[in-house]
Protein backbone atom coordinates (compact mmCIF):
# COMPACT_ATOMS: atom_id res chain seq x y z
CA MET A 1 193.80 138.69 -13.36
CA LEU A 2 196.34 140.74 -11.59
CA PHE A 3 197.58 139.67 -8.23
CA ASN A 4 197.88 143.33 -7.19
CA SER A 5 194.23 144.17 -7.72
CA VAL A 6 190.91 144.45 -5.92
CA HIS A 7 189.71 141.63 -8.10
CA PHE A 8 192.19 139.18 -6.75
CA PHE A 9 191.73 140.26 -3.18
CA LEU A 10 188.02 139.26 -3.62
CA PHE A 11 188.75 136.28 -5.84
CA ALA A 12 191.28 134.54 -3.61
CA PRO A 13 189.13 134.22 -0.43
CA VAL A 14 186.27 132.82 -2.40
CA VAL A 15 188.55 130.14 -3.98
CA PHE A 16 189.91 129.25 -0.63
CA LEU A 17 186.60 128.95 1.20
CA VAL A 18 184.86 126.78 -1.51
CA TYR A 19 188.04 124.73 -2.22
CA PHE A 20 188.30 123.45 1.39
CA MET A 21 184.54 122.49 1.54
CA LEU A 22 184.73 120.24 -1.52
CA PRO A 23 185.51 116.56 -1.94
CA LEU A 24 188.66 115.66 -3.82
CA ARG A 25 187.07 115.33 -7.20
CA LEU A 26 185.27 118.53 -7.03
CA GLN A 27 188.27 120.35 -5.57
CA ARG A 28 190.10 119.58 -8.89
CA ILE A 29 187.25 120.71 -10.98
CA TRP A 30 186.68 123.93 -8.91
CA LEU A 31 190.55 124.87 -9.15
CA PHE A 32 190.59 124.15 -12.88
CA LEU A 33 187.50 126.33 -13.40
CA CYS A 34 188.95 128.94 -11.20
CA SER A 35 192.24 128.87 -13.07
CA ILE A 36 190.53 129.31 -16.52
CA TYR A 37 188.51 132.17 -15.10
CA PHE A 38 191.69 133.81 -13.69
CA TYR A 39 193.28 133.63 -17.16
CA ALA A 40 190.18 134.65 -19.09
CA VAL A 41 190.12 137.95 -17.05
CA PHE A 42 193.12 139.08 -19.16
CA GLN A 43 191.72 138.26 -22.58
CA VAL A 44 189.06 135.60 -23.11
CA PRO A 45 190.32 134.61 -26.61
CA PHE A 46 193.73 133.74 -25.14
CA VAL A 47 192.03 130.93 -23.26
CA ALA A 48 191.80 129.10 -26.62
CA LEU A 49 195.61 129.04 -26.79
CA LEU A 50 196.02 127.67 -23.26
CA LEU A 51 193.49 124.98 -24.03
CA PHE A 52 195.22 124.16 -27.31
CA SER A 53 198.44 123.70 -25.44
CA ILE A 54 196.65 121.52 -22.85
CA PHE A 55 194.81 119.22 -25.44
CA TRP A 56 197.68 119.01 -27.94
CA THR A 57 200.35 118.12 -25.28
CA TYR A 58 198.06 115.63 -23.51
CA GLY A 59 197.14 114.05 -26.68
CA CYS A 60 200.80 113.60 -27.50
CA MET A 61 201.45 112.22 -24.15
CA VAL A 62 198.69 109.62 -24.70
CA GLY A 63 200.49 108.74 -27.85
CA ILE A 64 203.88 108.41 -26.08
CA ASP A 65 202.29 106.21 -23.41
CA ARG A 66 200.65 103.84 -26.04
CA ARG A 67 203.87 103.54 -28.08
CA LYS A 68 205.94 102.88 -25.07
CA SER A 69 203.45 100.26 -23.78
CA VAL A 70 204.01 98.06 -26.84
CA GLY A 71 207.85 98.61 -26.85
CA LYS A 72 207.94 100.98 -29.83
CA SER A 73 209.60 104.33 -30.31
CA ALA A 74 207.55 107.34 -29.03
CA THR A 75 209.96 109.98 -30.50
CA LEU A 76 207.37 111.10 -33.03
CA PHE A 77 204.92 112.08 -30.36
CA LEU A 78 207.54 113.87 -28.40
CA VAL A 79 208.63 115.84 -31.44
CA LEU A 80 204.97 116.73 -32.13
CA ALA A 81 204.48 117.93 -28.52
CA VAL A 82 207.58 120.06 -28.79
CA LEU A 83 206.91 121.38 -32.19
CA GLY A 84 203.19 122.15 -31.37
CA ASN A 85 204.06 124.24 -28.31
CA LEU A 86 207.03 125.93 -30.05
CA SER A 87 204.80 126.86 -33.00
CA LEU A 88 202.25 128.31 -30.67
CA LEU A 89 205.03 130.32 -29.12
CA PHE A 90 206.62 131.32 -32.43
CA VAL A 91 203.41 132.52 -34.05
CA PHE A 92 202.21 134.69 -31.22
CA LYS A 93 205.48 135.97 -29.82
CA TYR A 94 208.32 135.71 -32.54
CA LEU A 95 206.56 135.93 -36.00
CA ASP A 96 206.74 139.70 -36.12
CA PHE A 97 210.40 139.69 -34.95
CA PHE A 98 211.15 137.10 -37.75
CA ILE A 99 209.40 139.30 -40.30
CA ARG A 100 211.14 142.46 -39.21
CA ALA A 101 214.51 140.68 -39.28
CA LEU A 102 213.68 139.26 -42.79
CA ASN A 103 212.98 142.77 -44.08
CA VAL A 104 216.31 144.17 -42.57
CA PHE A 105 218.36 141.37 -44.07
CA ALA A 106 216.67 141.66 -47.46
CA GLY A 107 216.91 145.47 -47.40
CA TYR A 108 213.27 146.10 -47.73
CA GLU A 109 211.90 149.48 -46.53
CA ILE A 110 208.29 150.16 -45.66
CA CYS A 111 207.78 151.86 -49.08
CA ASP A 112 209.16 148.92 -50.89
CA PRO A 113 206.47 146.70 -52.63
CA ASN A 114 208.22 143.60 -51.32
CA TYR A 115 208.09 144.78 -47.75
CA TYR A 116 206.60 142.20 -45.44
CA LYS A 117 204.17 143.69 -43.06
CA PRO A 118 204.21 142.57 -39.39
CA VAL A 119 201.02 140.67 -38.32
CA GLY A 120 200.82 142.69 -35.00
CA PHE A 121 199.73 139.86 -32.72
CA ILE A 122 199.50 140.76 -29.06
CA VAL A 123 201.69 138.46 -26.94
CA PRO A 124 199.30 136.31 -24.81
CA MET A 125 199.92 136.47 -21.10
CA GLY A 126 202.02 133.64 -19.73
CA ILE A 127 202.47 131.87 -23.15
CA SER A 128 206.31 131.66 -22.52
CA PHE A 129 205.62 129.93 -19.27
CA PHE A 130 202.96 127.35 -19.97
CA THR A 131 204.48 126.27 -23.25
CA LEU A 132 207.71 125.45 -21.36
CA GLN A 133 205.75 123.46 -18.76
CA ALA A 134 203.99 121.50 -21.51
CA ILE A 135 207.21 120.75 -23.28
CA SER A 136 208.87 119.56 -20.01
CA ALA A 137 206.05 117.35 -19.00
CA ALA A 138 206.07 115.49 -22.50
CA TRP A 139 209.80 115.30 -22.38
CA ASP A 140 209.87 113.91 -18.82
CA GLN A 141 207.27 111.32 -19.69
CA TYR A 142 209.31 110.30 -22.72
CA ARG A 143 212.44 109.82 -20.41
CA ASP A 144 210.24 107.93 -17.85
CA VAL A 145 210.62 110.62 -15.24
CA ILE A 146 206.73 110.79 -14.90
CA GLU A 147 203.89 108.69 -16.02
CA LYS A 148 201.09 109.98 -18.20
CA PRO A 149 198.56 112.03 -16.09
CA LYS A 150 195.46 110.02 -15.29
CA SER A 151 193.17 112.38 -17.17
CA GLY A 152 193.28 115.30 -19.55
CA TYR A 153 191.75 117.72 -17.06
CA ARG A 154 194.32 116.74 -14.36
CA PHE A 155 197.01 117.72 -16.93
CA GLY A 156 195.00 120.79 -17.74
CA LEU A 157 194.92 121.70 -14.05
CA TYR A 158 198.74 121.36 -13.93
CA LEU A 159 199.22 123.52 -16.81
CA SER A 160 196.70 126.11 -15.83
CA PHE A 161 197.20 126.25 -12.01
CA PHE A 162 196.36 129.91 -11.54
CA PRO A 163 198.89 130.93 -8.79
CA GLN A 164 201.76 130.35 -11.23
CA LEU A 165 200.01 130.35 -14.62
CA VAL A 166 201.06 133.83 -15.94
CA ALA A 167 204.67 134.33 -14.70
CA GLY A 168 205.77 131.17 -13.06
CA PRO A 169 207.60 129.48 -11.30
CA ILE A 170 207.93 127.06 -14.10
CA ILE A 171 206.79 123.96 -12.19
CA ARG A 172 207.79 120.48 -13.49
CA ALA A 173 205.01 117.90 -13.58
CA LYS A 174 206.77 115.69 -11.15
CA ASP A 175 206.58 118.39 -8.56
CA LEU A 176 202.93 119.25 -8.93
CA ILE A 177 200.59 116.69 -10.61
CA ASP A 178 200.88 114.11 -7.80
CA GLN A 179 199.68 116.82 -5.36
CA PHE A 180 196.36 116.95 -7.14
CA GLU A 181 195.79 113.27 -6.14
CA GLN A 182 195.05 114.12 -2.55
CA ARG A 183 192.39 116.09 -0.85
CA HIS A 184 193.62 119.18 0.80
CA VAL A 185 192.00 120.25 4.02
CA PHE A 186 192.51 123.71 5.73
CA ASN A 187 195.74 123.74 7.74
CA LEU A 188 196.59 126.56 9.95
CA ASP A 189 200.44 126.38 9.47
CA ASP A 190 199.96 126.40 5.70
CA PHE A 191 197.63 129.37 6.00
CA ARG A 192 200.08 131.27 8.30
CA LEU A 193 203.15 130.51 6.12
CA GLY A 194 201.23 131.08 2.86
CA MET A 195 199.89 134.59 4.06
CA GLN A 196 203.41 135.52 5.15
CA ARG A 197 204.87 134.76 1.75
CA LEU A 198 201.97 136.31 -0.08
CA THR A 199 202.27 139.53 2.01
CA MET A 200 206.05 139.62 1.30
CA GLY A 201 205.30 139.47 -2.43
CA VAL A 202 202.69 142.32 -2.10
CA PHE A 203 205.25 144.28 -0.17
CA LYS A 204 208.00 143.88 -2.83
CA LYS A 205 205.71 144.56 -5.79
CA THR A 206 203.39 147.37 -4.37
CA PHE A 207 205.67 149.22 -1.95
CA ILE A 208 208.91 148.96 -3.70
CA ALA A 209 208.79 147.91 -7.54
CA ASP A 210 205.73 150.00 -8.30
CA GLN A 211 207.20 152.99 -6.48
CA LEU A 212 210.54 152.84 -8.14
CA GLY A 213 208.86 152.44 -11.54
CA PRO A 214 207.96 156.13 -12.13
CA TYR A 215 211.51 157.28 -11.56
CA VAL A 216 212.93 154.56 -13.91
CA ASP A 217 210.16 155.22 -16.65
CA THR A 218 210.73 158.92 -16.50
CA VAL A 219 214.52 158.58 -17.20
CA TYR A 220 214.23 155.90 -19.78
CA ALA A 221 211.61 157.81 -21.69
CA ASP A 222 214.19 160.54 -22.59
CA PRO A 223 217.59 159.43 -21.40
CA GLY A 224 219.33 162.22 -23.27
CA ALA A 225 217.81 164.80 -21.02
CA TYR A 226 219.16 163.51 -17.77
CA SER A 227 222.46 163.77 -16.14
CA SER A 228 224.85 160.84 -15.87
CA GLY A 229 224.11 160.51 -12.16
CA SER A 230 220.49 160.25 -12.89
CA LEU A 231 221.08 157.58 -15.41
CA TRP A 232 223.18 155.53 -12.87
CA ILE A 233 220.44 155.90 -10.31
CA ALA A 234 217.75 154.83 -12.90
CA VAL A 235 219.85 151.81 -14.00
CA PHE A 236 220.43 150.70 -10.31
CA PHE A 237 216.75 151.39 -9.50
CA HIS A 238 215.65 149.26 -12.33
CA ALA A 239 217.66 146.29 -11.17
CA VAL A 240 215.96 146.55 -7.85
CA GLN A 241 212.66 147.15 -9.34
CA ILE A 242 212.68 144.17 -11.68
CA TYR A 243 213.90 141.82 -8.76
CA CYS A 244 211.16 143.04 -6.46
CA ASP A 245 208.56 142.87 -9.20
CA PHE A 246 209.46 139.37 -10.40
CA SER A 247 210.34 137.77 -7.10
CA GLY A 248 207.23 139.50 -5.62
CA TYR A 249 205.10 137.64 -8.16
CA SER A 250 206.79 134.32 -7.24
CA ASP A 251 206.17 135.11 -3.60
CA ILE A 252 202.49 135.69 -4.10
CA ALA A 253 202.33 132.52 -6.31
CA ILE A 254 204.12 130.32 -3.72
CA GLY A 255 202.09 131.84 -0.87
CA THR A 256 198.80 131.41 -2.59
CA ALA A 257 199.48 127.84 -3.49
CA ARG A 258 200.65 127.16 0.05
CA VAL A 259 197.39 128.40 1.57
CA LEU A 260 195.68 125.81 -0.68
CA GLY A 261 197.98 123.12 0.62
CA PHE A 262 200.29 123.10 -2.34
CA ARG A 263 204.16 123.07 -2.41
CA VAL A 264 205.59 125.18 -5.22
CA PRO A 265 209.39 125.10 -5.68
CA GLU A 266 211.33 128.30 -4.85
CA ASN A 267 212.17 130.71 -7.83
CA PHE A 268 214.55 133.09 -6.14
CA ASP A 269 217.25 132.66 -3.54
CA ARG A 270 218.40 136.24 -2.75
CA PRO A 271 220.35 136.52 -5.98
CA PHE A 272 221.99 139.99 -5.14
CA PHE A 273 223.96 138.26 -2.57
CA SER A 274 225.75 135.96 -5.22
CA THR A 275 229.49 136.43 -5.75
CA SER A 276 229.62 135.57 -9.38
CA MET A 277 227.26 135.58 -12.43
CA THR A 278 227.35 131.82 -12.54
CA GLU A 279 226.02 131.76 -8.94
CA PHE A 280 223.49 134.46 -9.78
CA TRP A 281 221.95 132.36 -12.37
CA ARG A 282 221.60 129.53 -9.88
CA ARG A 283 219.66 131.91 -7.55
CA TRP A 284 217.71 133.96 -10.10
CA HIS A 285 214.57 132.70 -11.74
CA ILE A 286 215.64 129.16 -10.55
CA SER A 287 212.78 127.40 -12.29
CA PHE A 288 213.83 128.82 -15.71
CA SER A 289 217.47 128.48 -15.29
CA SER A 290 217.09 124.86 -14.29
CA TRP A 291 214.72 124.33 -17.19
CA LEU A 292 217.43 125.67 -19.46
CA ARG A 293 219.95 123.35 -17.85
CA ASP A 294 217.82 120.19 -18.17
CA TYR A 295 216.17 120.74 -21.64
CA VAL A 296 218.74 122.89 -23.56
CA TYR A 297 222.22 122.77 -21.94
CA ILE A 298 222.38 119.06 -21.22
CA PRO A 299 220.85 117.97 -24.64
CA LEU A 300 223.55 120.24 -26.29
CA GLY A 301 226.11 118.11 -24.49
CA GLY A 302 226.58 120.04 -21.29
CA SER A 303 229.97 119.71 -19.80
CA ARG A 304 230.47 116.23 -21.10
CA VAL A 305 231.98 117.65 -24.41
CA GLY A 306 235.34 119.41 -24.93
CA VAL A 307 236.10 122.53 -23.05
CA SER A 308 235.49 124.91 -25.94
CA ARG A 309 232.24 123.24 -26.73
CA ALA A 310 231.17 123.51 -23.14
CA TYR A 311 231.81 127.25 -23.25
CA PHE A 312 229.83 127.54 -26.46
CA ASN A 313 226.91 125.68 -24.85
CA VAL A 314 226.89 128.00 -21.91
CA PHE A 315 226.88 131.01 -24.22
CA MET A 316 224.22 129.53 -26.50
CA VAL A 317 221.90 128.80 -23.47
CA MET A 318 222.25 132.46 -22.38
CA LEU A 319 221.45 133.73 -25.91
CA ILE A 320 218.38 131.46 -25.85
CA SER A 321 217.42 132.90 -22.43
CA GLY A 322 217.63 136.37 -23.86
CA LEU A 323 215.41 135.41 -26.86
CA TRP A 324 212.95 133.75 -24.54
CA HIS A 325 212.52 136.97 -22.69
CA GLY A 326 211.66 139.05 -25.59
CA ALA A 327 211.52 139.16 -29.41
CA ASP A 328 214.01 141.85 -30.05
CA TRP A 329 217.73 142.19 -30.40
CA ASN A 330 218.19 143.97 -27.12
CA PHE A 331 217.11 140.91 -25.21
CA ILE A 332 219.47 138.70 -27.19
CA PHE A 333 222.33 141.17 -26.41
CA TRP A 334 221.35 141.07 -22.77
CA GLY A 335 221.59 137.29 -22.84
CA GLY A 336 224.86 137.47 -24.62
CA ILE A 337 226.35 139.77 -21.88
CA HIS A 338 225.44 137.21 -19.16
CA GLY A 339 226.75 134.48 -21.43
CA LEU A 340 230.13 136.29 -21.89
CA PHE A 341 230.60 136.79 -18.17
CA MET A 342 229.64 133.24 -17.38
CA VAL A 343 232.16 131.80 -19.88
CA ALA A 344 234.83 134.22 -18.62
CA GLU A 345 234.18 133.22 -15.02
CA ARG A 346 234.34 129.55 -15.98
CA TYR A 347 237.63 129.94 -17.84
CA LEU A 348 239.33 132.16 -15.17
CA PHE A 349 238.05 130.09 -12.19
CA SER A 350 239.58 127.06 -13.95
CA PHE A 351 242.90 128.30 -12.68
CA SER A 352 243.15 127.68 -9.02
CA SER A 353 245.33 130.57 -8.25
CA ILE A 354 242.82 133.05 -9.92
CA LYS A 355 239.85 131.31 -8.06
CA ALA A 356 241.70 131.46 -4.69
CA GLY A 357 242.50 135.21 -5.36
CA PHE A 358 238.90 136.01 -6.12
CA ASP A 359 237.80 134.26 -3.18
CA ARG A 360 239.92 136.46 -1.04
CA ILE A 361 238.23 139.50 -2.32
CA PRO A 362 235.88 140.95 0.52
CA LEU A 363 232.41 139.52 0.25
CA PRO A 364 230.63 142.93 -0.21
CA ILE A 365 232.81 143.76 -3.24
CA ARG A 366 231.95 140.37 -4.87
CA ASN A 367 228.30 140.98 -4.11
CA PHE A 368 228.55 144.42 -5.79
CA TYR A 369 230.32 142.96 -8.78
CA THR A 370 227.34 140.64 -9.40
CA PHE A 371 224.81 143.38 -8.88
CA PHE A 372 226.76 145.84 -11.07
CA VAL A 373 227.04 143.38 -13.91
CA PHE A 374 223.38 142.52 -13.69
CA ALA A 375 222.37 146.15 -13.46
CA ILE A 376 224.42 147.24 -16.51
CA ALA A 377 223.21 144.24 -18.54
CA ILE A 378 219.48 144.77 -17.77
CA LEU A 379 219.60 148.42 -18.94
CA PHE A 380 219.52 146.85 -22.57
CA PHE A 381 216.63 144.55 -21.20
CA ARG A 382 214.71 147.70 -20.16
CA ALA A 383 215.48 149.93 -23.12
CA LYS A 384 212.57 150.68 -25.49
CA PRO A 385 212.62 152.06 -29.09
CA LEU A 386 212.51 155.90 -29.06
CA PRO A 387 212.00 158.00 -32.24
CA GLU A 388 214.80 160.32 -31.42
CA TYR A 389 217.36 157.63 -30.46
CA GLY A 390 216.36 154.68 -32.56
CA SER A 391 215.85 150.95 -31.90
CA ALA A 392 215.68 149.39 -28.28
CA ILE A 393 219.31 148.28 -28.60
CA GLU A 394 220.37 151.73 -29.86
CA VAL A 395 218.71 153.33 -26.81
CA GLY A 396 220.60 150.90 -24.56
CA PHE A 397 224.02 151.81 -26.02
CA HIS A 398 223.02 155.54 -25.75
CA ILE A 399 222.24 155.09 -22.11
CA PHE A 400 225.41 153.02 -21.48
CA GLY A 401 227.75 155.56 -23.24
CA ASN A 402 226.22 158.48 -21.20
CA LEU A 403 226.83 156.73 -17.84
CA PHE A 404 230.48 157.39 -18.32
CA THR A 405 230.45 160.95 -19.64
CA PHE A 406 229.71 162.89 -16.42
CA ARG A 407 227.21 164.89 -18.30
CA GLU A 408 224.90 167.32 -16.71
CA GLY A 409 221.12 167.28 -17.15
CA LEU A 410 217.84 166.79 -15.38
CA SER A 411 217.67 165.17 -11.96
CA PRO A 412 214.24 163.68 -10.94
CA ASP A 413 213.23 163.69 -7.40
CA LEU A 414 214.60 160.63 -5.53
CA PRO A 415 211.78 158.52 -3.78
CA LEU A 416 213.83 158.43 -0.62
CA THR A 417 211.13 156.62 1.35
CA ILE A 418 211.15 153.85 -1.16
CA ILE A 419 214.95 153.63 -0.89
CA GLY A 420 214.35 153.07 2.89
CA LEU A 421 211.88 150.32 2.22
CA ALA A 422 214.23 148.69 -0.22
CA ALA A 423 217.09 148.88 2.36
CA VAL A 424 214.88 147.19 4.93
CA LEU A 425 214.15 144.29 2.41
CA PHE A 426 217.87 143.81 1.65
CA LEU A 427 218.77 144.00 5.35
CA ILE A 428 216.30 141.18 5.94
CA GLU A 429 217.73 139.21 3.05
CA GLY A 430 221.32 139.93 4.25
CA LEU A 431 220.40 138.51 7.68
CA GLN A 432 218.78 135.37 6.15
CA VAL A 433 221.97 134.76 4.07
CA ASN A 434 224.65 135.52 6.72
CA LYS A 435 222.80 134.57 9.89
CA PRO A 436 220.59 131.72 9.03
CA GLY A 437 217.80 131.05 11.44
CA PHE A 438 218.08 134.51 12.86
CA LEU A 439 214.56 135.63 11.85
CA GLU A 440 212.95 132.26 12.45
CA ASN A 441 214.45 132.07 15.94
CA ASN A 442 213.63 135.70 16.92
CA ARG A 443 210.81 135.57 19.39
CA LEU A 444 209.67 139.07 18.67
CA LEU A 445 209.36 138.53 15.01
CA GLN A 446 207.68 135.12 15.49
CA SER A 447 205.03 136.64 17.79
CA SER A 448 201.60 135.76 16.23
CA VAL A 449 200.32 139.17 17.20
CA ILE A 450 203.08 140.98 15.40
CA GLN A 451 202.85 138.77 12.39
CA ILE A 452 199.00 139.15 12.10
CA GLY A 453 199.27 142.91 12.63
CA LEU A 454 201.84 143.26 9.93
CA ILE A 455 199.97 141.10 7.48
CA ALA A 456 196.79 142.91 8.09
CA ALA A 457 198.32 146.40 7.91
CA LEU A 458 200.23 145.78 4.61
CA LEU A 459 197.39 143.95 2.98
CA SER A 460 194.91 146.70 4.01
CA ILE A 461 197.19 149.42 2.67
CA ALA A 462 197.67 147.51 -0.53
CA PHE A 463 193.95 147.05 -0.96
CA ILE A 464 193.29 150.87 -0.58
CA ILE A 465 196.05 151.49 -3.08
CA TYR A 466 194.49 149.04 -5.57
CA SER A 467 191.15 150.73 -4.99
CA VAL A 468 192.11 154.13 -5.86
CA THR A 469 194.88 153.62 -8.44
CA VAL A 470 195.39 151.67 -11.56
CA SER A 471 197.38 148.45 -10.68
CA GLN A 472 200.64 148.19 -12.50
CA GLN A 473 201.13 144.92 -14.41
CA PHE A 474 203.91 142.69 -13.42
CA ILE A 475 206.86 143.24 -15.70
CA TYR A 476 207.26 139.51 -16.80
CA PHE A 477 203.64 139.46 -17.99
CA GLN A 478 204.97 140.75 -21.30
CA PHE A 479 207.25 137.69 -21.63
């Protein structure tokens, strides 16, 4: 089910109303059933994959618990939990990529009798998210960070919790499972704060990201036909689009959970106001970057190893990040760009004179440096294969090269209204960064009448839009 749809606008109030009328045990059952329905709306067969991850991982967690209770090693069950979920992810997301790579390395063409034909699986919604949550839960139990959930359906509710099921945040078991052990009653403050957050997410997605999308899609569909200026605008617009799209989803997820009484960790912290790529990844997709830190970077040795090995670990983590995002070379290249900049910053900033000089650069310039690197890198992320240009990574290099040629070409109409809305968003975020508490202490903005009016107006307009147009999927649904 899409958050930006009439279906969700009807689904959510029913979930809220029934939920608060039920006793604790029935609250959990109701949420679990609603979460399964939420996921089944996309594709009913995909529910089987979600249930497999739930039952397989919980079974392994039972095994871990039993082995540890008698003082024996539980490593086998941890390995089974990890391999089971990674196998699910590999088959449905990476198998075709592996087959294509095998054909390339073996030199097989389509007409060759030895050519391996891709299977053609559709990537199930959210599979990259719920498998990572399952792995982290088993790993944390193995490390005694959490105890085994009290029942299978409690664990199933954790893994399928509908607000964050399809595109995160990637919630750790320690941050959510215990919240299912208490009955939630309607709380006016939770409702108010939750609706504010949900509305902000709808604003980002529907009024900014979805409106920038047509310009970006038009240019990326035939980059050779457009001027260098149009390409620059498309590259910068796409950076804003994917931020508003993804952080918008996280806002709706966090807001929906808050209305129900749940606290979901933050996933974005105004990343375009970062002053380095290292800081950027502490503020962008926080749940994923922290997952990589705890379950990949630290097991690789983290910073406890030699300097060169630590640099290697950082770079490998970012390559894995790229591969996680998509099964194609352009995603790996995108991760590599981020890895190179993070390693370079780590090396250069190890010299106190360079770090001091960098810190003296005016803040807006350092902010722009971060945004610029992100925007350039993500053009490879966005690039799609085109018959006249080649593979996705070839399209990315074609666009990158033409950015600097000052070539003439077509110039699509600029959505000036949307630029204005984006400017308002980043003005608000800038105030939150540079003047903490300004919005919270502003009596006008905190007026209940104004808040209710804004929420009602934005959600009403969004409902009308969803009623008369085809809702655009969130970009991260494909990952």
